[in-house]
């Protein structure tokens, strides 16, 4: 029996972000590295993005 996703994830962060004016929510392909830097903010998507996010942090610290 499949679990009800709403039990574990009552809302999707993308839905919340899309409801905010001026939000630019960018999604990469599932199960692949995807990280972004916007000024001092570095964020990665899923567990596959650790290396890419780390490179962006190092880049930000070097500036």
N, C-alpha and C. Protein backbone atom coordinates (compact mmCIF):
# COMPACT_ATOMS: atom_id res chain seq x y z
N UNK A 1 0.85 -1.17 0.00
CA UNK A 1 0.00 0.00 0.00
C UNK A 1 0.90 1.24 0.00
N UNK A 2 0.64 2.18 -0.89
CA UNK A 2 1.43 3.41 -0.98
C UNK A 2 1.05 4.35 0.15
N UNK A 3 2.07 5.02 0.69
CA UNK A 3 1.84 5.98 1.76
C UNK A 3 1.26 7.26 1.17
N UNK A 4 0.43 7.92 1.94
CA UNK A 4 -0.12 9.21 1.53
C UNK A 4 0.98 10.25 1.69
N UNK A 5 1.40 10.88 0.59
CA UNK A 5 2.51 11.84 0.64
C UNK A 5 2.19 13.02 1.57
N UNK A 6 0.92 13.37 1.70
CA UNK A 6 0.55 14.50 2.56
C UNK A 6 0.80 14.21 4.03
N UNK A 7 0.93 12.94 4.40
CA UNK A 7 1.24 12.59 5.77
C UNK A 7 2.67 13.00 6.11
N UNK A 8 3.58 12.84 5.16
CA UNK A 8 4.99 13.11 5.40
C UNK A 8 5.43 14.47 4.86
N UNK A 9 4.73 14.96 3.89
CA UNK A 9 5.08 16.24 3.27
C UNK A 9 3.77 17.01 3.04
N UNK A 10 3.34 17.76 4.05
CA UNK A 10 2.02 18.40 3.96
C UNK A 10 1.95 19.52 2.93
N UNK A 11 3.09 20.03 2.48
CA UNK A 11 3.10 21.04 1.42
C UNK A 11 4.39 20.91 0.64
N UNK A 12 4.38 21.39 -0.59
CA UNK A 12 5.58 21.39 -1.42
C UNK A 12 6.20 22.78 -1.36
N UNK A 13 7.50 22.87 -1.13
CA UNK A 13 8.16 24.16 -1.04
C UNK A 13 7.99 24.95 -2.33
N UNK A 14 7.96 24.28 -3.48
CA UNK A 14 7.76 25.00 -4.74
C UNK A 14 6.41 25.69 -4.76
N UNK A 15 5.36 25.03 -4.29
CA UNK A 15 4.04 25.65 -4.25
C UNK A 15 4.06 26.89 -3.36
N UNK A 16 4.75 26.80 -2.22
CA UNK A 16 4.83 27.94 -1.32
C UNK A 16 5.62 29.08 -1.97
N UNK A 17 6.75 28.76 -2.61
CA UNK A 17 7.56 29.79 -3.25
C UNK A 17 6.82 30.44 -4.40
N UNK A 18 6.13 29.65 -5.20
CA UNK A 18 5.38 30.19 -6.33
C UNK A 18 4.28 31.16 -5.89
N UNK A 19 3.82 31.03 -4.66
CA UNK A 19 2.76 31.91 -4.18
C UNK A 19 3.30 33.28 -3.75
N UNK A 20 4.63 33.42 -3.67
CA UNK A 20 5.24 34.68 -3.25
C UNK A 20 5.61 35.52 -4.47
N UNK A 21 5.23 36.77 -4.45
CA UNK A 21 5.55 37.68 -5.54
C UNK A 21 7.06 37.85 -5.65
N UNK A 22 7.57 37.77 -6.87
CA UNK A 22 9.00 37.99 -7.11
C UNK A 22 9.88 36.78 -6.89
N UNK A 23 9.30 35.64 -6.59
CA UNK A 23 10.08 34.44 -6.35
C UNK A 23 10.42 33.77 -7.68
N UNK A 24 11.67 33.33 -7.81
CA UNK A 24 12.12 32.63 -9.00
C UNK A 24 12.57 31.25 -8.55
N UNK A 25 11.72 30.27 -8.68
CA UNK A 25 12.00 28.91 -8.21
C UNK A 25 12.52 28.11 -9.38
N UNK A 26 13.78 27.65 -9.31
CA UNK A 26 14.42 26.94 -10.40
C UNK A 26 14.64 25.49 -9.99
N UNK A 27 14.23 24.57 -10.84
CA UNK A 27 14.32 23.14 -10.54
C UNK A 27 15.17 22.47 -11.62
N UNK A 28 16.10 21.64 -11.19
CA UNK A 28 16.90 20.85 -12.13
C UNK A 28 16.29 19.48 -12.31
N UNK A 29 16.88 18.67 -13.17
CA UNK A 29 16.38 17.32 -13.40
C UNK A 29 16.44 16.48 -12.11
N UNK A 30 15.48 15.63 -11.93
CA UNK A 30 15.45 14.77 -10.74
C UNK A 30 16.68 13.86 -10.70
N UNK A 31 17.17 13.63 -9.51
CA UNK A 31 18.28 12.71 -9.24
C UNK A 31 19.57 13.09 -9.96
N UNK A 32 19.80 14.39 -10.10
CA UNK A 32 21.06 14.87 -10.68
C UNK A 32 21.52 16.09 -9.88
N UNK A 33 22.81 16.40 -9.99
CA UNK A 33 23.36 17.54 -9.27
C UNK A 33 22.78 18.84 -9.82
N UNK A 34 22.34 19.70 -8.91
CA UNK A 34 21.79 21.00 -9.31
C UNK A 34 21.97 21.93 -8.12
N UNK A 35 22.86 22.89 -8.24
CA UNK A 35 23.09 23.86 -7.18
C UNK A 35 23.17 25.25 -7.80
N UNK A 36 22.76 26.23 -7.03
CA UNK A 36 22.75 27.61 -7.50
C UNK A 36 23.31 28.53 -6.43
N UNK A 37 23.88 29.64 -6.90
CA UNK A 37 24.36 30.68 -5.99
C UNK A 37 23.72 32.00 -6.40
N UNK A 38 23.20 32.71 -5.42
CA UNK A 38 22.65 34.04 -5.62
C UNK A 38 23.22 34.91 -4.52
N UNK A 39 24.30 35.62 -4.82
CA UNK A 39 24.99 36.39 -3.79
C UNK A 39 25.60 35.46 -2.76
N UNK A 40 25.22 35.62 -1.51
CA UNK A 40 25.73 34.77 -0.44
C UNK A 40 24.88 33.53 -0.20
N UNK A 41 23.79 33.40 -0.92
CA UNK A 41 22.92 32.25 -0.76
C UNK A 41 23.34 31.14 -1.72
N UNK A 42 23.63 29.97 -1.17
CA UNK A 42 23.95 28.79 -1.97
C UNK A 42 22.96 27.70 -1.58
N UNK A 43 22.36 27.09 -2.58
CA UNK A 43 21.39 26.04 -2.31
C UNK A 43 21.55 24.90 -3.31
N UNK A 44 21.27 23.69 -2.87
CA UNK A 44 21.38 22.53 -3.74
C UNK A 44 20.10 21.73 -3.70
N UNK A 45 19.85 20.98 -4.77
CA UNK A 45 18.65 20.17 -4.88
C UNK A 45 19.01 18.71 -4.67
N UNK A 46 18.39 18.09 -3.72
CA UNK A 46 18.55 16.68 -3.41
C UNK A 46 19.99 16.34 -2.99
N UNK A 47 20.20 15.11 -2.63
CA UNK A 47 21.47 14.66 -2.08
C UNK A 47 22.60 14.64 -3.10
N UNK A 48 22.29 14.68 -4.36
CA UNK A 48 23.31 14.60 -5.41
C UNK A 48 24.04 15.92 -5.62
N UNK A 49 23.63 16.98 -4.96
CA UNK A 49 24.16 18.31 -5.22
C UNK A 49 25.22 18.76 -4.22
N UNK A 50 25.62 17.91 -3.30
CA UNK A 50 26.56 18.30 -2.26
C UNK A 50 27.88 18.82 -2.81
N UNK A 51 28.46 18.12 -3.76
CA UNK A 51 29.74 18.54 -4.34
C UNK A 51 29.63 19.86 -5.08
N UNK A 52 28.59 19.99 -5.86
CA UNK A 52 28.38 21.22 -6.62
C UNK A 52 28.12 22.40 -5.68
N UNK A 53 27.32 22.18 -4.64
CA UNK A 53 27.04 23.25 -3.68
C UNK A 53 28.32 23.63 -2.93
N UNK A 54 29.13 22.64 -2.58
CA UNK A 54 30.40 22.92 -1.89
C UNK A 54 31.32 23.77 -2.76
N UNK A 55 31.40 23.48 -4.04
CA UNK A 55 32.22 24.28 -4.95
C UNK A 55 31.73 25.73 -4.99
N UNK A 56 30.42 25.91 -4.98
CA UNK A 56 29.87 27.27 -4.99
C UNK A 56 30.17 28.01 -3.68
N UNK A 57 30.14 27.31 -2.57
CA UNK A 57 30.48 27.92 -1.28
C UNK A 57 31.94 28.35 -1.27
N UNK A 58 32.83 27.48 -1.74
CA UNK A 58 34.26 27.80 -1.80
C UNK A 58 34.47 29.02 -2.71
N UNK A 59 33.78 29.05 -3.83
CA UNK A 59 33.86 30.18 -4.75
C UNK A 59 33.41 31.46 -4.05
N UNK A 60 32.31 31.40 -3.31
CA UNK A 60 31.79 32.57 -2.60
C UNK A 60 32.76 33.04 -1.52
N UNK A 61 33.40 32.11 -0.83
CA UNK A 61 34.35 32.49 0.22
C UNK A 61 35.60 33.13 -0.36
N UNK A 62 35.93 32.79 -1.59
CA UNK A 62 37.12 33.34 -2.23
C UNK A 62 36.94 34.76 -2.74
N UNK A 63 35.74 35.25 -2.74
CA UNK A 63 35.47 36.60 -3.25
C UNK A 63 35.46 37.64 -2.16
